[in-house]
Amino acid sequence: MMPGVLLRVFGGTLVALALLTACSNMFKTEEQVEADRITLEISRAQVPGSSGAAFTADGNLVAIGTREMIWVADAATRQTLARISYQKAARFGGRKSLLFIDDHRLLIGAVGAIYLWDMQERSVTDRFRLRNSLQSPRAIAWSGATQTLAYSSGSTMEPVTLVRVGSDGFGASRSLVGFEGVPADLLFSRNGEYLAATGDEHGVLVRKVDTDEPVGELPTTGVVDNLELFGENKLLVSGADIAVWTFLREEEALELEDPNLQGQVTGQVAARVAGTLAVGSLFAVGLVACTFGACDSSLFYLPQAAYSVATSPVQASPQPWCGRSTSVSPDGKWLADIYPGITREVIRIFDVESGELVKTLNPRGEYHCIAKFSPNSQQLLITSSKAATLYSTETWQHHDIRLE
């Protein structure tokens, strides 16, 4: 192709890309713009795939959830003790929507509500209704010290809400101001005095619970998916990168980097850019055709298609896109890292102190959404939408909990 032709094609592509956003919003009314905003919030709050995993504080029970079913099993025998179906309540929430608040009560985030399930009663004993019946909590957190539930509401109007939970169930609630967007994860300090939340895109924000006072911000170079507290006062921050911080301080304790995983992130970005450029080129060619009276009506759907290509996550398989999931053992020794990748899943175990890779676990044929260590650090639970596997952290041998 001649240089002049190349230059014209490249120039047309740039023009097309410049017009994409303007064209996609040109004919939208205020009602449509507001509807798009609500749709985005719902899609971010209702993450497909696993609805989480949780151990009781004594480690005796483990709960594993999908959007349709939650199983509670004995961690020692791996026998299922209870099954909770969404048909009895509502479809369950995303992968941060499940946790035990004591040795028998389980909090379950679902569409339109948060449920309190009691293993002794074998039933839902209370329900906290969300303001919007179409939304579900993107993340929930629990402070045993203050008996307080925090949840990421799914609404940018009220990013974080606090709810007291007593022996009789849910109590008074209020918004905790100062957070942004729809946080992907929340975490209380051990005394319940502070709450950390992922920034909607980057970094971690920390606020004082009683006064809403900003305490600090931990900067990151990319999106943050997971927060976890371990050891005396350490905070695991993971997403595009993995780092360990001293809670409430901007002093970095340890950073773990894996160039192979970062290369896969770069590959996703490249795929999105290539797709957008391709659609942009078609739009540019179509605009030229319009000037000669050969305009196709389908041309005007291309800006929307290009926006979808540029913003939708690249899925490596038909399995639900779970994103990165990490967990650190309570004793601070092991870090489990699950990354979906572009062509295959990566499950690795790192030594936290040295940052060295010590074990690679073989995927079980499904994308795994959750990694969770037991309170005594002796077991690692890894779940997919169809199975749950308990690994011994001494031998790394495993046993399955069948989700049937």
Protein backbone atom coordinates (compact mmCIF):
# COMPACT_ATOMS: atom_id res chain seq x y z
CA MET A 1 0.00 0.00 0.00
CA MET A 2 1.33 3.46 -0.91
CA PRO A 3 2.44 5.77 1.91
CA GLY A 4 -0.17 8.36 0.95
CA VAL A 5 -2.96 5.81 1.19
CA LEU A 6 -1.66 4.60 4.55
CA LEU A 7 -1.62 8.15 5.83
CA ARG A 8 -5.21 8.73 4.72
CA VAL A 9 -6.42 5.50 6.33
CA PHE A 10 -4.59 6.31 9.58
CA GLY A 11 -5.97 9.83 9.55
CA GLY A 12 -9.48 8.53 8.95
CA THR A 13 -9.12 6.15 11.87
CA LEU A 14 -8.08 8.97 14.19
CA VAL A 15 -11.02 11.06 13.07
CA ALA A 16 -13.35 8.12 13.64
CA LEU A 17 -12.03 7.54 17.14
CA ALA A 18 -12.48 11.21 17.95
CA LEU A 19 -16.11 10.97 16.84
CA LEU A 20 -16.96 7.76 18.71
CA THR A 21 -17.91 9.24 22.06
CA ALA A 22 -19.68 12.23 20.58
CA CYS A 23 -21.73 10.10 18.19
CA SER A 24 -22.70 7.57 20.86
CA ASN A 25 -24.10 10.33 23.11
CA MET A 26 -25.39 12.73 20.43
CA PHE A 27 -29.01 11.60 20.46
CA LYS A 28 -29.31 10.59 24.12
CA THR A 29 -31.85 12.32 26.34
CA GLU A 30 -31.21 13.00 30.02
CA GLU A 31 -33.41 10.01 30.86
CA GLN A 32 -31.29 7.73 28.66
CA VAL A 33 -28.07 9.01 30.20
CA GLU A 34 -29.46 8.35 33.68
CA ALA A 35 -30.65 4.89 32.61
CA ASP A 36 -27.14 4.11 31.31
CA ARG A 37 -25.66 5.18 34.64
CA ILE A 38 -28.04 2.93 36.60
CA THR A 39 -27.36 0.01 34.24
CA LEU A 40 -23.60 0.43 34.78
CA GLU A 41 -24.03 0.44 38.56
CA ILE A 42 -26.17 -2.69 38.48
CA SER A 43 -23.69 -4.52 36.23
CA ARG A 44 -20.79 -3.67 38.54
CA ALA A 45 -22.65 -4.74 41.66
CA GLN A 46 -24.05 -7.96 40.21
CA VAL A 47 -20.81 -9.71 39.34
CA PRO A 48 -21.37 -13.17 37.78
CA GLY A 49 -19.70 -16.29 39.08
CA SER A 50 -19.03 -17.33 42.64
CA SER A 51 -20.76 -15.51 45.50
CA GLY A 52 -17.90 -16.05 47.85
CA ALA A 53 -16.51 -18.39 50.47
CA ALA A 54 -16.27 -18.06 54.22
CA PHE A 55 -15.01 -19.93 57.29
CA THR A 56 -16.40 -19.62 60.79
CA ALA A 57 -13.93 -18.08 63.26
CA ASP A 58 -13.20 -21.50 64.74
CA GLY A 59 -12.66 -22.95 61.25
CA ASN A 60 -15.20 -25.76 61.76
CA LEU A 61 -17.65 -24.67 59.06
CA VAL A 62 -17.11 -23.43 55.53
CA ALA A 63 -19.67 -21.79 53.23
CA ILE A 64 -19.34 -21.80 49.44
CA GLY A 65 -21.69 -19.85 47.21
CA THR A 66 -22.71 -19.31 43.60
CA ARG A 67 -25.43 -16.99 42.34
CA GLU A 68 -28.02 -19.79 42.70
CA MET A 69 -26.94 -21.87 45.68
CA ILE A 70 -24.96 -21.73 48.92
CA TRP A 71 -23.55 -24.84 50.57
CA VAL A 72 -22.42 -25.05 54.21
CA ALA A 73 -20.06 -27.93 54.93
CA ASP A 74 -18.04 -29.39 57.78
CA ALA A 75 -14.42 -28.35 57.09
CA ALA A 76 -13.00 -31.55 58.62
CA THR A 77 -15.29 -34.16 57.04
CA ARG A 78 -16.23 -32.10 53.94
CA GLN A 79 -19.82 -33.26 54.36
CA THR A 80 -22.55 -30.84 53.31
CA LEU A 81 -24.68 -29.71 56.26
CA ALA A 82 -27.04 -27.24 54.59
CA ARG A 83 -28.08 -25.97 51.15
CA ILE A 84 -29.54 -22.51 50.68
CA SER A 85 -31.30 -21.87 47.38
CA TYR A 86 -31.94 -18.39 45.96
CA GLN A 87 -35.45 -19.59 45.06
CA LYS A 88 -36.28 -19.23 48.74
CA ALA A 89 -34.98 -15.66 48.81
CA ALA A 90 -33.29 -13.82 45.91
CA ARG A 91 -30.40 -14.38 43.55
CA PHE A 92 -27.19 -14.03 45.51
CA GLY A 93 -24.62 -11.30 45.00
CA GLY A 94 -21.03 -11.22 43.76
CA ARG A 95 -17.91 -12.91 45.07
CA LYS A 96 -17.62 -10.62 48.11
CA SER A 97 -21.12 -11.30 49.44
CA LEU A 98 -20.71 -14.11 51.96
CA LEU A 99 -19.31 -14.20 55.52
CA PHE A 100 -19.88 -15.72 58.95
CA ILE A 101 -20.37 -13.32 61.87
CA ASP A 102 -20.09 -16.07 64.51
CA ASP A 103 -20.00 -19.87 64.67
CA HIS A 104 -23.53 -20.33 63.30
CA ARG A 105 -24.83 -17.13 61.63
CA LEU A 106 -24.08 -16.36 57.99
CA LEU A 107 -24.52 -13.04 56.18
CA ILE A 108 -25.58 -13.42 52.55
CA GLY A 109 -25.64 -10.52 50.09
CA ALA A 110 -28.38 -10.92 47.47
CA VAL A 111 -30.31 -8.89 44.94
CA GLY A 112 -32.32 -6.31 46.86
CA ALA A 113 -31.37 -7.48 50.36
CA ILE A 114 -28.85 -8.90 52.81
CA TYR A 115 -29.99 -12.07 54.58
CA LEU A 116 -29.05 -13.48 57.97
CA TRP A 117 -29.04 -17.29 57.87
CA ASP A 118 -28.85 -19.21 61.15
CA MET A 119 -27.39 -22.72 61.02
CA GLN A 120 -29.09 -23.61 64.30
CA GLU A 121 -32.51 -22.57 62.99
CA ARG A 122 -31.73 -23.77 59.44
CA SER A 123 -33.55 -20.72 58.08
CA VAL A 124 -33.34 -17.00 57.34
CA THR A 125 -33.91 -15.18 60.63
CA ASP A 126 -33.78 -11.59 59.36
CA ARG A 127 -33.54 -9.56 56.17
CA PHE A 128 -32.13 -6.07 55.55
CA ARG A 129 -33.71 -4.48 52.49
CA LEU A 130 -31.55 -2.36 50.20
CA ARG A 131 -32.80 0.98 48.93
CA ASN A 132 -32.92 -0.34 45.38
CA SER A 133 -34.49 -3.77 44.92
CA LEU A 134 -32.53 -4.32 41.66
CA GLN A 135 -29.09 -3.86 43.20
CA SER A 136 -26.97 -6.21 45.28
CA PRO A 137 -23.99 -5.53 47.54
CA ARG A 138 -20.73 -5.57 45.63
CA ALA A 139 -18.87 -6.30 48.88
CA ILE A 140 -19.65 -6.82 52.56
CA ALA A 141 -17.36 -6.63 55.63
CA TRP A 142 -17.83 -7.46 59.30
CA SER A 143 -16.40 -6.09 62.53
CA GLY A 144 -16.79 -8.51 65.42
CA ALA A 145 -15.41 -5.86 67.77
CA THR A 146 -18.29 -3.46 67.12
CA GLN A 147 -20.90 -5.90 65.74
CA THR A 148 -21.16 -3.80 62.59
CA LEU A 149 -21.78 -4.77 58.98
CA ALA A 150 -20.45 -2.58 56.16
CA TYR A 151 -21.58 -3.06 52.59
CA SER A 152 -20.79 -1.52 49.24
CA SER A 153 -24.30 -0.55 48.25
CA GLY A 154 -24.08 -0.79 44.47
CA SER A 155 -24.99 2.89 44.19
CA THR A 156 -22.61 5.77 43.62
CA MET A 157 -25.00 7.95 45.63
CA GLU A 158 -24.29 5.98 48.82
CA PRO A 159 -21.09 3.98 48.25
CA VAL A 160 -20.83 2.51 51.77
CA THR A 161 -23.51 1.80 54.38
CA LEU A 162 -23.07 0.64 57.99
CA VAL A 163 -25.59 -1.60 59.79
CA ARG A 164 -25.60 -2.75 63.41
CA VAL A 165 -26.29 -6.47 63.84
CA GLY A 166 -27.30 -7.85 67.23
CA SER A 167 -28.72 -11.05 68.62
CA ASP A 168 -32.14 -10.03 67.28
CA GLY A 169 -30.87 -9.32 63.77
CA PHE A 170 -30.34 -6.11 61.82
CA GLY A 171 -30.52 -2.76 63.57
CA ALA A 172 -30.03 0.88 62.64
CA SER A 173 -28.11 1.84 59.49
CA ARG A 174 -26.37 4.92 58.15
CA SER A 175 -24.17 5.94 55.22
CA LEU A 176 -20.42 6.30 55.75
CA VAL A 177 -19.51 9.31 53.63
CA GLY A 178 -16.28 10.02 51.83
CA PHE A 179 -15.92 6.94 49.66
CA GLU A 180 -16.24 6.96 45.88
CA GLY A 181 -18.05 4.95 43.21
CA VAL A 182 -18.91 1.33 44.03
CA PRO A 183 -16.01 -0.11 46.09
CA ALA A 184 -15.02 -3.64 45.06
CA ASP A 185 -13.97 -4.57 48.60
CA LEU A 186 -14.24 -3.34 52.20
CA LEU A 187 -12.26 -4.16 55.34
CA PHE A 188 -12.48 -3.11 59.01
CA SER A 189 -9.45 -2.64 61.24
CA ARG A 190 -9.28 -5.22 64.02
CA ASN A 191 -10.85 -2.88 66.59
CA GLY A 192 -13.54 -1.76 64.13
CA GLU A 193 -12.49 1.87 64.47
CA TYR A 194 -11.49 2.28 60.82
CA LEU A 195 -12.80 1.08 57.48
CA ALA A 196 -10.73 0.63 54.33
CA ALA A 197 -12.37 0.57 50.90
CA THR A 198 -10.99 0.15 47.44
CA GLY A 199 -11.19 3.30 45.38
CA ASP A 200 -13.59 2.81 42.50
CA GLU A 201 -10.63 2.47 40.14
CA HIS A 202 -7.33 3.04 41.94
CA GLY A 203 -5.99 3.05 45.47
CA VAL A 204 -7.43 2.37 48.91
CA LEU A 205 -9.27 4.93 51.04
CA VAL A 206 -9.40 4.71 54.87
CA ARG A 207 -11.93 6.54 57.07
CA LYS A 208 -12.75 6.69 60.77
CA VAL A 209 -16.06 4.92 61.28
CA ASP A 210 -17.52 7.07 64.08
CA THR A 211 -16.74 10.48 62.57
CA ASP A 212 -16.41 9.80 58.80
CA GLU A 213 -13.02 11.48 59.10
CA PRO A 214 -10.51 10.69 56.30
CA VAL A 215 -7.51 8.92 57.77
CA GLY A 216 -5.36 8.19 54.76
CA GLU A 217 -5.06 6.90 51.23
CA LEU A 218 -2.85 4.12 49.90
CA PRO A 219 -1.93 4.83 46.27
CA THR A 220 -1.70 2.02 43.73
CA THR A 221 -0.69 1.86 40.09
CA GLY A 222 -3.79 -0.02 38.96
CA VAL A 223 -7.24 -1.28 39.81
CA VAL A 224 -7.73 -2.94 43.24
CA ASP A 225 -10.01 -5.99 43.64
CA ASN A 226 -9.15 -7.43 47.05
CA LEU A 227 -8.35 -6.33 50.59
CA GLU A 228 -7.37 -8.68 53.40
CA LEU A 229 -6.08 -8.14 56.94
CA PHE A 230 -3.50 -10.53 58.41
CA GLY A 231 -0.81 -10.69 61.07
CA GLU A 232 -0.76 -7.88 63.60
CA ASN A 233 -1.61 -4.97 61.33
CA LYS A 234 -0.87 -5.87 57.71
CA LEU A 235 -3.12 -5.16 54.75
CA LEU A 236 -3.00 -7.17 51.52
CA VAL A 237 -3.91 -5.03 48.50
CA SER A 238 -4.26 -6.85 45.19
CA GLY A 239 -5.58 -6.26 41.69
CA ALA A 240 -3.36 -5.21 38.81
CA ASP A 241 -0.45 -5.54 41.26
CA ILE A 242 0.00 -7.13 44.68
CA ALA A 243 1.35 -5.23 47.67
CA VAL A 244 1.36 -5.57 51.45
CA TRP A 245 0.98 -2.38 53.51
CA THR A 246 0.99 -1.47 57.17
CA PHE A 247 -2.66 -0.69 57.88
CA LEU A 248 -3.43 3.05 58.16
CA ARG A 249 0.05 4.04 57.06
CA GLU A 250 1.43 4.89 53.63
CA GLU A 251 4.54 2.85 54.37
CA GLU A 252 4.99 0.00 51.92
CA ALA A 253 6.09 -3.21 53.61
CA LEU A 254 6.42 -5.54 50.62
CA GLU A 255 5.61 -5.57 46.92
CA LEU A 256 5.23 -8.77 44.93
CA GLU A 257 5.55 -8.50 41.17
CA ASP A 258 4.95 -11.22 38.61
CA PRO A 259 5.81 -10.09 35.07
CA ASN A 260 3.93 -13.00 33.52
CA LEU A 261 0.66 -11.87 35.07
CA GLN A 262 1.30 -8.25 34.15
CA GLY A 263 2.00 -9.37 30.60
CA GLN A 264 -1.46 -10.92 30.47
CA VAL A 265 -3.00 -7.65 31.64
CA THR A 266 -1.10 -5.87 28.87
CA GLY A 267 -2.42 -8.44 26.41
CA GLN A 268 -6.00 -7.67 27.41
CA VAL A 269 -5.43 -3.95 26.88
CA ALA A 270 -3.85 -4.60 23.48
CA ALA A 271 -6.83 -6.73 22.45
CA ARG A 272 -9.25 -3.98 23.40
CA VAL A 273 -7.28 -1.31 21.56
CA ALA A 274 -7.02 -3.48 18.44
CA GLY A 275 -10.75 -4.10 18.46
CA THR A 276 -11.54 -0.44 18.88
CA LEU A 277 -9.18 0.57 16.06
CA ALA A 278 -10.74 -2.01 13.77
CA VAL A 279 -14.27 -0.72 14.39
CA GLY A 280 -12.99 2.86 14.13
CA SER A 281 -11.51 2.12 10.72
CA LEU A 282 -14.83 0.73 9.50
CA PHE A 283 -16.57 3.86 10.76
CA ALA A 284 -14.08 6.06 8.91
CA VAL A 285 -14.58 4.15 5.66
CA GLY A 286 -18.35 4.36 6.13
CA LEU A 287 -18.21 8.12 6.57
CA VAL A 288 -16.35 8.43 3.27
CA ALA A 289 -19.00 6.28 1.58
CA CYS A 290 -21.73 8.54 2.96
CA THR A 291 -20.23 11.52 1.16
CA PHE A 292 -20.83 9.68 -2.15
CA GLY A 293 -24.43 8.75 -1.29
CA ALA A 294 -23.70 5.13 -0.36
CA CYS A 295 -24.42 5.38 3.36
CA ASP A 296 -25.58 2.25 5.20
CA SER A 297 -27.89 2.78 8.22
CA SER A 298 -25.91 0.19 10.21
CA LEU A 299 -22.97 2.61 10.18
CA PHE A 300 -24.42 4.55 13.09
CA TYR A 301 -24.33 1.51 15.39
CA LEU A 302 -20.54 1.30 15.07
CA PRO A 303 -19.71 3.93 17.73
CA GLN A 304 -21.68 1.95 20.30
CA ALA A 305 -19.97 -1.27 19.19
CA ALA A 306 -16.55 0.35 19.48
CA TYR A 307 -17.34 1.59 22.98
CA SER A 308 -18.40 -1.92 23.99
CA VAL A 309 -15.19 -3.43 22.58
CA ALA A 310 -13.03 -0.87 24.38
CA THR A 311 -14.66 -1.18 27.81
CA SER A 312 -15.79 -4.81 28.13
CA PRO A 313 -13.31 -7.23 29.77
CA VAL A 314 -11.71 -9.74 27.44
CA GLN A 315 -12.91 -13.17 28.52
CA ALA A 316 -10.47 -16.03 28.14
CA SER A 317 -13.22 -18.65 28.07
CA PRO A 318 -17.00 -19.01 28.27
CA GLN A 319 -16.69 -19.18 32.06
CA PRO A 320 -17.81 -16.17 34.12
CA TRP A 321 -15.18 -13.43 34.37
CA CYS A 322 -14.17 -13.61 38.02
CA GLY A 323 -11.15 -11.31 37.94
CA ARG A 324 -8.14 -11.74 40.19
CA SER A 325 -8.63 -13.36 43.58
CA THR A 326 -6.02 -13.48 46.34
CA SER A 327 -5.81 -14.58 49.95
CA VAL A 328 -3.09 -14.47 52.57
CA SER A 329 -2.92 -16.97 55.42
CA PRO A 330 -3.72 -15.42 58.84
CA ASP A 331 -0.23 -16.31 60.07
CA GLY A 332 1.20 -14.27 57.19
CA LYS A 333 3.17 -17.13 55.69
CA TRP A 334 1.40 -17.94 52.40
CA LEU A 335 -0.17 -15.90 49.63
CA ALA A 336 -2.57 -17.61 47.19
CA ASP A 337 -3.04 -15.83 43.87
CA ILE A 338 -5.62 -16.80 41.22
CA TYR A 339 -5.55 -14.99 37.90
CA PRO A 340 -7.84 -15.93 34.97
CA GLY A 341 -5.30 -15.02 32.30
CA ILE A 342 -5.82 -14.76 28.56
CA THR A 343 -5.35 -18.37 27.43
CA ARG A 344 -5.23 -20.27 30.72
CA GLU A 345 -5.74 -19.84 34.42
CA VAL A 346 -2.81 -19.28 36.79
CA ILE A 347 -2.99 -20.44 40.45
CA ARG A 348 0.17 -19.81 42.46
CA ILE A 349 1.33 -19.92 46.07
CA PHE A 350 3.96 -17.41 47.23
CA ASP A 351 6.06 -17.16 50.37
CA VAL A 352 5.02 -13.75 51.72
CA GLU A 353 8.29 -12.99 53.53
CA SER A 354 10.58 -13.74 50.59
CA GLY A 355 8.14 -13.09 47.76
CA GLU A 356 9.27 -16.31 46.09
CA LEU A 357 6.97 -18.65 44.18
CA VAL A 358 6.77 -21.96 46.09
CA LYS A 359 3.93 -23.84 44.40
CA THR A 360 1.81 -23.80 41.25
CA LEU A 361 -1.56 -25.50 41.56
CA ASN A 362 -3.15 -27.15 38.56
CA PRO A 363 -6.50 -25.72 37.42
CA ARG A 364 -9.40 -28.15 37.65
CA GLY A 365 -10.95 -27.37 34.26
CA GLU A 366 -13.07 -24.41 35.48
CA TYR A 367 -12.26 -20.83 36.27
CA HIS A 368 -11.84 -20.43 40.03
CA CYS A 369 -13.27 -17.27 41.60
CA ILE A 370 -12.34 -17.52 45.27
CA ALA A 371 -9.27 -18.31 47.36
CA LYS A 372 -9.66 -18.36 51.15
CA PHE A 373 -7.37 -19.59 53.95
CA SER A 374 -8.82 -21.15 57.10
CA PRO A 375 -8.44 -19.18 60.36
CA ASN A 376 -5.70 -21.55 61.58
CA SER A 377 -3.83 -21.25 58.23
CA GLN A 378 -3.80 -25.03 57.81
CA GLN A 379 -6.20 -25.19 54.85
CA LEU A 380 -6.72 -23.26 51.62
CA LEU A 381 -10.14 -23.27 49.98
CA ILE A 382 -10.33 -22.65 46.23
CA THR A 383 -13.74 -22.62 44.53
CA SER A 384 -15.23 -22.66 41.05
CA SER A 385 -18.88 -22.55 40.04
CA LYS A 386 -19.11 -26.36 40.28
CA ALA A 387 -16.59 -27.52 42.86
CA ALA A 388 -14.68 -26.51 45.95
CA THR A 389 -11.26 -27.85 46.88
CA LEU A 390 -9.53 -27.82 50.27
CA TYR A 391 -5.72 -27.91 50.15
CA SER A 392 -3.46 -28.78 53.07
CA THR A 393 -0.87 -26.00 53.48
CA GLU A 394 1.62 -28.55 54.80
CA THR A 395 1.53 -31.03 51.92
CA TRP A 396 -0.59 -29.16 49.31
CA GLN A 397 -2.60 -32.34 48.83
CA HIS A 398 -6.27 -31.66 48.20
CA HIS A 399 -9.77 -33.01 48.78
CA ASP A 400 -12.92 -31.89 46.99
CA ILE A 401 -16.20 -30.68 48.42
CA ARG A 402 -18.74 -31.62 45.77
CA LEU A 403 -21.29 -28.89 45.14
CA GLU A 404 -24.32 -31.04 44.31
